[in-house]
Amino acid sequence: MTNKPALKLRDGRITMTVWKNSTDDDKSYFSVVLVRSYKSGDDWKESTSLNPEDLLPAARLLSEAYGRILKLRREDQE
């Protein structure tokens, strides 16, 4: 079975993926992965380090993710 992200957001070359995970006692928690895409020759690659111009898009994505994670947590509790 393939684990799909709970949420995936993109702003330009910045992509943020939110994963929903579960503990052994069926409690859920979320983790966030933020990456920057860049081209090296003909190949696209990803890095977890950001350039100064990536900070505002990353901040926007993280802010949106925070609100959406809160909503997902509320849905889990209902």
PDB file of N, CA and C in Angstrom:
ATOM      1  N   MET A   1       0.841  -1.177   0.000  1.00  0.00           N
ATOM      2  CA  MET A   1       0.000   0.000   0.000  1.00  0.00           C
ATOM      3  C   MET A   1       0.885   1.239   0.000  1.00  0.00           C
ATOM      4  N   THR A   2       0.589   2.189  -0.878  1.00  0.00           N
ATOM      5  CA  THR A   2       1.353   3.409  -0.988  1.00  0.00           C
ATOM      6  C   THR A   2       0.779   4.469  -0.064  1.00  0.00           C
ATOM      7  N   ASN A   3       1.643   5.074   0.705  1.00  0.00           N
ATOM      8  CA  ASN A   3       1.241   6.144   1.595  1.00  0.00           C
ATOM      9  C   ASN A   3       1.207   7.446   0.804  1.00  0.00           C
ATOM     10  N   LYS A   4       0.043   8.095   0.743  1.00  0.00           N
ATOM     11  CA  LYS A   4      -0.102   9.348   0.024  1.00  0.00           C
ATOM     12  C   LYS A   4      -0.020  10.508   1.004  1.00  0.00           C
ATOM     13  N   PRO A   5       0.510  11.656   0.549  1.00  0.00           N
ATOM     14  CA  PRO A   5       0.562  12.806   1.444  1.00  0.00           C
ATOM     15  C   PRO A   5      -0.830  13.297   1.812  1.00  0.00           C
ATOM     16  N   ALA A   6      -0.959  13.846   3.012  1.00  0.00           N
ATOM     17  CA  ALA A   6      -2.223  14.444   3.443  1.00  0.00           C
ATOM     18  C   ALA A   6      -2.451  15.752   2.706  1.00  0.00           C
ATOM     19  N   LEU A   7      -1.350  16.381   2.289  1.00  0.00           N
ATOM     20  CA  LEU A   7      -1.439  17.685   1.645  1.00  0.00           C
ATOM     21  C   LEU A   7      -0.145  17.949   0.898  1.00  0.00           C
ATOM     22  N   LYS A   8      -0.262  18.558  -0.271  1.00  0.00           N
ATOM     23  CA  LYS A   8       0.928  18.957  -1.020  1.00  0.00           C
ATOM     24  C   LYS A   8       0.640  20.335  -1.612  1.00  0.00           C
ATOM     25  N   LEU A   9       1.506  21.293  -1.301  1.00  0.00           N
ATOM     26  CA  LEU A   9       1.351  22.664  -1.786  1.00  0.00           C
ATOM     27  C   LEU A   9       2.621  23.095  -2.497  1.00  0.00           C
ATOM     28  N   ARG A  10       2.449  23.976  -3.473  1.00  0.00           N
ATOM     29  CA  ARG A  10       3.611  24.440  -4.240  1.00  0.00           C
ATOM     30  C   ARG A  10       3.493  25.940  -4.480  1.00  0.00           C
ATOM     31  N   ASP A  11       4.622  26.623  -4.393  1.00  0.00           N
ATOM     32  CA  ASP A  11       4.710  28.039  -4.756  1.00  0.00           C
ATOM     33  C   ASP A  11       6.013  28.208  -5.519  1.00  0.00           C
ATOM     34  N   GLY A  12       5.912  28.317  -6.827  1.00  0.00           N
ATOM     35  CA  GLY A  12       7.115  28.419  -7.652  1.00  0.00           C
ATOM     36  C   GLY A  12       7.939  27.163  -7.528  1.00  0.00           C
ATOM     37  N   ARG A  13       9.180  27.317  -7.117  1.00  0.00           N
ATOM     38  CA  ARG A  13      10.057  26.151  -7.014  1.00  0.00           C
ATOM     39  C   ARG A  13      10.090  25.530  -5.622  1.00  0.00           C
ATOM     40  N   ILE A  14       9.246  26.035  -4.731  1.00  0.00           N
ATOM     41  CA  ILE A  14       9.166  25.502  -3.376  1.00  0.00           C
ATOM     42  C   ILE A  14       7.958  24.578  -3.267  1.00  0.00           C
ATOM     43  N   THR A  15       8.173  23.371  -2.769  1.00  0.00           N
ATOM     44  CA  THR A  15       7.101  22.403  -2.563  1.00  0.00           C
ATOM     45  C   THR A  15       7.098  21.969  -1.109  1.00  0.00           C
ATOM     46  N   MET A  16       5.916  21.940  -0.533  1.00  0.00           N
ATOM     47  CA  MET A  16       5.763  21.504   0.848  1.00  0.00           C
ATOM     48  C   MET A  16       4.809  20.320   0.863  1.00  0.00           C
ATOM     49  N   THR A  17       5.228  19.254   1.510  1.00  0.00           N
ATOM     50  CA  THR A  17       4.418  18.052   1.615  1.00  0.00           C
ATOM     51  C   THR A  17       4.141  17.779   3.086  1.00  0.00           C
ATOM     52  N   VAL A  18       2.865  17.532   3.391  1.00  0.00           N
ATOM     53  CA  VAL A  18       2.453  17.210   4.760  1.00  0.00           C
ATOM     54  C   VAL A  18       2.074  15.737   4.785  1.00  0.00           C
ATOM     55  N   TRP A  19       2.693  15.010   5.713  1.00  0.00           N
ATOM     56  CA  TRP A  19       2.424  13.588   5.879  1.00  0.00           C
ATOM     57  C   TRP A  19       1.661  13.361   7.167  1.00  0.00           C
ATOM     58  N   LYS A  20       0.649  12.520   7.118  1.00  0.00           N
ATOM     59  CA  LYS A  20      -0.072  12.113   8.320  1.00  0.00           C
ATOM     60  C   LYS A  20       0.467  10.754   8.742  1.00  0.00           C
ATOM     61  N   ASN A  21       0.851  10.667   9.998  1.00  0.00           N
ATOM     62  CA  ASN A  21       1.422   9.443  10.542  1.00  0.00           C
ATOM     63  C   ASN A  21       0.607   9.000  11.745  1.00  0.00           C
ATOM     64  N   SER A  22       0.752   7.755  12.109  1.00  0.00           N
ATOM     65  CA  SER A  22       0.036   7.221  13.268  1.00  0.00           C
ATOM     66  C   SER A  22       1.019   6.541  14.206  1.00  0.00           C
ATOM     67  N   THR A  23       0.715   6.653  15.502  1.00  0.00           N
ATOM     68  CA  THR A  23       1.512   5.959  16.507  1.00  0.00           C
ATOM     69  C   THR A  23       0.913   4.579  16.732  1.00  0.00           C
ATOM     70  N   ASP A  24       1.580   3.767  17.518  1.00  0.00           N
ATOM     71  CA  ASP A  24       1.084   2.418  17.809  1.00  0.00           C
ATOM     72  C   ASP A  24      -0.262   2.432  18.531  1.00  0.00           C
ATOM     73  N   ASP A  25      -0.553   3.501  19.273  1.00  0.00           N
ATOM     74  CA  ASP A  25      -1.832   3.582  19.988  1.00  0.00           C
ATOM     75  C   ASP A  25      -2.876   4.380  19.201  1.00  0.00           C
ATOM     76  N   ASP A  26      -2.736   4.395  17.876  1.00  0.00           N
ATOM     77  CA  ASP A  26      -3.687   5.010  16.938  1.00  0.00           C
ATOM     78  C   ASP A  26      -3.863   6.515  17.097  1.00  0.00           C
ATOM     79  N   LYS A  27      -2.882   7.190  17.631  1.00  0.00           N
ATOM     80  CA  LYS A  27      -2.897   8.654  17.637  1.00  0.00           C
ATOM     81  C   LYS A  27      -2.194   9.126  16.375  1.00  0.00           C
ATOM     82  N   SER A  28      -2.684  10.214  15.807  1.00  0.00           N
ATOM     83  CA  SER A  28      -2.066  10.697  14.580  1.00  0.00           C
ATOM     84  C   SER A  28      -1.258  11.967  14.848  1.00  0.00           C
ATOM     85  N   TYR A  29      -0.258  12.155  14.013  1.00  0.00           N
ATOM     86  CA  TYR A  29       0.549  13.369  14.046  1.00  0.00           C
ATOM     87  C   TYR A  29       0.959  13.683  12.615  1.00  0.00           C
ATOM     88  N   PHE A  30       1.412  14.895  12.393  1.00  0.00           N
ATOM     89  CA  PHE A  30       1.747  15.342  11.054  1.00  0.00           C
ATOM     90  C   PHE A  30       3.212  15.756  10.997  1.00  0.00           C
ATOM     91  N   SER A  31       3.839  15.510   9.865  1.00  0.00           N
ATOM     92  CA  SER A  31       5.193  15.995   9.626  1.00  0.00           C
ATOM     93  C   SER A  31       5.200  16.749   8.299  1.00  0.00           C
ATOM     94  N   VAL A  32       6.098  17.705   8.198  1.00  0.00           N
ATOM     95  CA  VAL A  32       6.149  18.592   7.037  1.00  0.00           C
ATOM     96  C   VAL A  32       7.539  18.522   6.411  1.00  0.00           C
ATOM     97  N   VAL A  33       7.564  18.392   5.079  1.00  0.00           N
ATOM     98  CA  VAL A  33       8.815  18.386   4.330  1.00  0.00           C
ATOM     99  C   VAL A  33       8.765  19.540   3.334  1.00  0.00           C
ATOM    100  N   LEU A  34       9.790  20.379   3.367  1.00  0.00           N
ATOM    101  CA  LEU A  34       9.877  21.543   2.494  1.00  0.00           C
ATOM    102  C   LEU A  34      11.103  21.370   1.608  1.00  0.00           C
ATOM    103  N   VAL A  35      10.921  21.450   0.282  1.00  0.00           N
ATOM    104  CA  VAL A  35      12.049  21.308  -0.640  1.00  0.00           C
ATOM    105  C   VAL A  35      12.009  22.395  -1.706  1.00  0.00           C
ATOM    106  N   ARG A  36      13.186  22.668  -2.233  1.00  0.00           N
ATOM    107  CA  ARG A  36      13.347  23.618  -3.337  1.00  0.00           C
ATOM    108  C   ARG A  36      13.802  22.840  -4.557  1.00  0.00           C
ATOM    109  N   SER A  37      13.119  23.014  -5.669  1.00  0.00           N
ATOM    110  CA  SER A  37      13.511  22.370  -6.925  1.00  0.00           C
ATOM    111  C   SER A  37      14.491  23.280  -7.662  1.00  0.00           C
ATOM    112  N   TYR A  38      15.457  22.671  -8.319  1.00  0.00           N
ATOM    113  CA  TYR A  38      16.397  23.443  -9.130  1.00  0.00           C
ATOM    114  C   TYR A  38      16.876  22.567 -10.287  1.00  0.00           C
ATOM    115  N   LYS A  39      17.345  23.225 -11.322  1.00  0.00           N
ATOM    116  CA  LYS A  39      17.803  22.504 -12.502  1.00  0.00           C
ATOM    117  C   LYS A  39      19.325  22.478 -12.514  1.00  0.00           C
ATOM    118  N   SER A  40      19.857  21.291 -12.719  1.00  0.00           N
ATOM    119  CA  SER A  40      21.295  21.099 -12.844  1.00  0.00           C
ATOM    120  C   SER A  40      21.542  20.459 -14.203  1.00  0.00           C
ATOM    121  N   GLY A  41      21.987  21.238 -15.140  1.00  0.00           N
ATOM    122  CA  GLY A  41      22.099  20.747 -16.513  1.00  0.00           C
ATOM    123  C   GLY A  41      20.700  20.519 -17.067  1.00  0.00           C
ATOM    124  N   ASP A  42      20.437  19.306 -17.517  1.00  0.00           N
ATOM    125  CA  ASP A  42      19.108  18.957 -18.031  1.00  0.00           C
ATOM    126  C   ASP A  42      18.221  18.306 -16.977  1.00  0.00           C
ATOM    127  N   ASP A  43      18.758  18.072 -15.797  1.00  0.00           N
ATOM    128  CA  ASP A  43      18.038  17.336 -14.755  1.00  0.00           C
ATOM    129  C   ASP A  43      17.473  18.257 -13.687  1.00  0.00           C
ATOM    130  N   TRP A  44      16.260  17.918 -13.219  1.00  0.00           N
ATOM    131  CA  TRP A  44      15.672  18.614 -12.083  1.00  0.00           C
ATOM    132  C   TRP A  44      16.055  17.874 -10.815  1.00  0.00           C
ATOM    133  N   LYS A  45      16.454  18.632  -9.791  1.00  0.00           N
ATOM    134  CA  LYS A  45      16.846  18.064  -8.515  1.00  0.00           C
ATOM    135  C   LYS A  45      16.124  18.794  -7.396  1.00  0.00           C
ATOM    136  N   GLU A  46      16.238  18.274  -6.182  1.00  0.00           N
ATOM    137  CA  GLU A  46      15.618  18.902  -5.018  1.00  0.00           C
ATOM    138  C   GLU A  46      16.650  19.095  -3.928  1.00  0.00           C
ATOM    139  N   SER A  47      16.453  20.164  -3.161  1.00  0.00           N
ATOM    140  CA  SER A  47      17.330  20.465  -2.040  1.00  0.00           C
ATOM    141  C   SER A  47      16.482  20.943  -0.872  1.00  0.00           C
ATOM    142  N   THR A  48      16.947  20.693   0.330  1.00  0.00           N
ATOM    143  CA  THR A  48      16.248  21.204   1.512  1.00  0.00           C
ATOM    144  C   THR A  48      16.798  22.553   1.952  1.00  0.00           C
ATOM    145  N   SER A  49      17.876  23.029   1.310  1.00  0.00           N
ATOM    146  CA  SER A  49      18.385  24.360   1.643  1.00  0.00           C
ATOM    147  C   SER A  49      17.697  25.397   0.760  1.00  0.00           C
ATOM    148  N   LEU A  50      17.408  26.540   1.362  1.00  0.00           N
ATOM    149  CA  LEU A  50      16.685  27.599   0.671  1.00  0.00           C
ATOM    150  C   LEU A  50      17.584  28.798   0.439  1.00  0.00           C
ATOM    151  N   ASN A  51      17.312  29.508  -0.639  1.00  0.00           N
ATOM    152  CA  ASN A  51      17.971  30.773  -0.925  1.00  0.00           C
ATOM    153  C   ASN A  51      17.122  31.904  -0.334  1.00  0.00           C
ATOM    154  N   PRO A  52      17.694  33.080  -0.161  1.00  0.00           N
ATOM    155  CA  PRO A  52      16.914  34.185   0.403  1.00  0.00           C
ATOM    156  C   PRO A  52      15.601  34.455  -0.336  1.00  0.00           C
ATOM    157  N   GLU A  53      15.598  34.348  -1.652  1.00  0.00           N
ATOM    158  CA  GLU A  53      14.363  34.610  -2.415  1.00  0.00           C
ATOM    159  C   GLU A  53      13.318  33.507  -2.239  1.00  0.00           C
ATOM    160  N   ASP A  54      13.691  32.392  -1.645  1.00  0.00           N
ATOM    161  CA  ASP A  54      12.757  31.295  -1.383  1.00  0.00           C
ATOM    162  C   ASP A  54      12.027  31.454  -0.046  1.00  0.00           C
ATOM    163  N   LEU A  55      12.513  32.346   0.805  1.00  0.00           N
ATOM    164  CA  LEU A  55      11.988  32.428   2.170  1.00  0.00           C
ATOM    165  C   LEU A  55      10.537  32.883   2.238  1.00  0.00           C
ATOM    166  N   LEU A  56      10.157  33.892   1.477  1.00  0.00           N
ATOM    167  CA  LEU A  56       8.767  34.356   1.526  1.00  0.00           C
ATOM    168  C   LEU A  56       7.798  33.306   0.982  1.00  0.00           C
ATOM    169  N   PRO A  57       8.067  32.695  -0.190  1.00  0.00           N
ATOM    170  CA  PRO A  57       7.182  31.608  -0.635  1.00  0.00           C
ATOM    171  C   PRO A  57       7.104  30.459   0.373  1.00  0.00           C
ATOM    172  N   ALA A  58       8.230  30.113   0.986  1.00  0.00           N
ATOM    173  CA  ALA A  58       8.228  29.044   1.988  1.00  0.00           C
ATOM    174  C   ALA A  58       7.383  29.438   3.185  1.00  0.00           C
ATOM    175  N   ALA A  59       7.504  30.680   3.633  1.00  0.00           N
ATOM    176  CA  ALA A  59       6.717  31.157   4.771  1.00  0.00           C
ATOM    177  C   ALA A  59       5.227  31.111   4.454  1.00  0.00           C
ATOM    178  N   ARG A  60       4.850  31.486   3.259  1.00  0.00           N
ATOM    179  CA  ARG A  60       3.438  31.432   2.847  1.00  0.00           C
ATOM    180  C   ARG A  60       2.921  29.992   2.875  1.00  0.00           C
ATOM    181  N   LEU A  61       3.713  29.074   2.342  1.00  0.00           N
ATOM    182  CA  LEU A  61       3.299  27.671   2.328  1.00  0.00           C
ATOM    183  C   LEU A  61       3.189  27.119   3.741  1.00  0.00           C
ATOM    184  N   LEU A  62       4.144  27.444   4.601  1.00  0.00           N
ATOM    185  CA  LEU A  62       4.105  26.958   5.974  1.00  0.00           C
ATOM    186  C   LEU A  62       2.910  27.520   6.734  1.00  0.00           C
ATOM    187  N   SER A  63       2.591  28.776   6.495  1.00  0.00           N
ATOM    188  CA  SER A  63       1.427  29.383   7.145  1.00  0.00           C
ATOM    189  C   SER A  63       0.134  28.692   6.701  1.00  0.00           C
ATOM    190  N   GLU A  64       0.017  28.454   5.406  1.00  0.00           N
ATOM    191  CA  GLU A  64      -1.171  27.762   4.901  1.00  0.00           C
ATOM    192  C   GLU A  64      -1.246  26.337   5.441  1.00  0.00           C
ATOM    193  N   ALA A  65      -0.116  25.672   5.490  1.00  0.00           N
ATOM    194  CA  ALA A  65      -0.087  24.297   6.005  1.00  0.00           C
ATOM    195  C   ALA A  65      -0.503  24.254   7.463  1.00  0.00           C
ATOM    196  N   TYR A  66      -0.087  25.224   8.249  1.00  0.00           N
ATOM    197  CA  TYR A  66      -0.443  25.259   9.663  1.00  0.00           C
ATOM    198  C   TYR A  66      -1.962  25.282   9.828  1.00  0.00           C
ATOM    199  N   GLY A  67      -2.630  26.150   9.087  1.00  0.00           N
ATOM    200  CA  GLY A  67      -4.090  26.225   9.149  1.00  0.00           C
ATOM    201  C   GLY A  67      -4.756  24.937   8.694  1.00  0.00           C
ATOM    202  N   ARG A  68      -4.244  24.351   7.644  1.00  0.00           N
ATOM    203  CA  ARG A  68      -4.841  23.112   7.139  1.00  0.00           C
ATOM    204  C   ARG A  68      -4.607  21.938   8.081  1.00  0.00           C
ATOM    205  N   ILE A  69      -3.444  21.891   8.711  1.00  0.00           N
ATOM    206  CA  ILE A  69      -3.167  20.823   9.680  1.00  0.00           C
ATOM    207  C   ILE A  69      -4.101  20.949  10.878  1.00  0.00           C
ATOM    208  N   LEU A  70      -4.334  22.164  11.346  1.00  0.00           N
ATOM    209  CA  LEU A  70      -5.286  22.365  12.442  1.00  0.00           C
ATOM    210  C   LEU A  70      -6.667  21.831  12.067  1.00  0.00           C
ATOM    211  N   LYS A  71      -7.073  22.089  10.829  1.00  0.00           N
ATOM    212  CA  LYS A  71      -8.372  21.596  10.353  1.00  0.00           C
ATOM    213  C   LYS A  71      -8.385  20.065  10.299  1.00  0.00           C
ATOM    214  N   LEU A  72      -7.314  19.460   9.801  1.00  0.00           N
ATOM    215  CA  LEU A  72      -7.237  18.000   9.740  1.00  0.00           C
ATOM    216  C   LEU A  72      -7.278  17.389  11.138  1.00  0.00           C
ATOM    217  N   ARG A  73      -6.622  18.034  12.098  1.00  0.00           N
ATOM    218  CA  ARG A  73      -6.660  17.542  13.475  1.00  0.00           C
ATOM    219  C   ARG A  73      -8.074  17.595  14.047  1.00  0.00           C
ATOM    220  N   ARG A  74      -8.772  18.697  13.773  1.00  0.00           N
ATOM    221  CA  ARG A  74     -10.167  18.809  14.248  1.00  0.00           C
ATOM    222  C   ARG A  74     -11.033  17.726  13.635  1.00  0.00           C
ATOM    223  N   GLU A  75     -10.851  17.455  12.354  1.00  0.00           N
ATOM    224  CA  GLU A  75     -11.630  16.417  11.676  1.00  0.00           C
ATOM    225  C   GLU A  75     -11.345  15.047  12.293  1.00  0.00           C
ATOM    226  N   ASP A  76     -10.103  14.809  12.662  1.00  0.00           N
ATOM    227  CA  ASP A  76      -9.730  13.538  13.301  1.00  0.00           C
ATOM    228  C   ASP A  76     -10.415  13.361  14.660  1.00  0.00           C
ATOM    229  N   GLN A  77     -10.614  14.473  15.369  1.00  0.00           N
ATOM    230  CA  GLN A  77     -11.183  14.411  16.702  1.00  0.00           C
ATOM    231  C   GLN A  77     -12.707  14.246  16.692  1.00  0.00           C
ATOM    232  N   GLU A  78     -13.313  14.533  15.560  1.00  0.00           N
ATOM    233  CA  GLU A  78     -14.788  14.431  15.466  1.00  0.00           C
ATOM    234  C   GLU A  78     -15.237  13.010  15.229  1.00  0.00           C
TER     235      GLU A  78
END
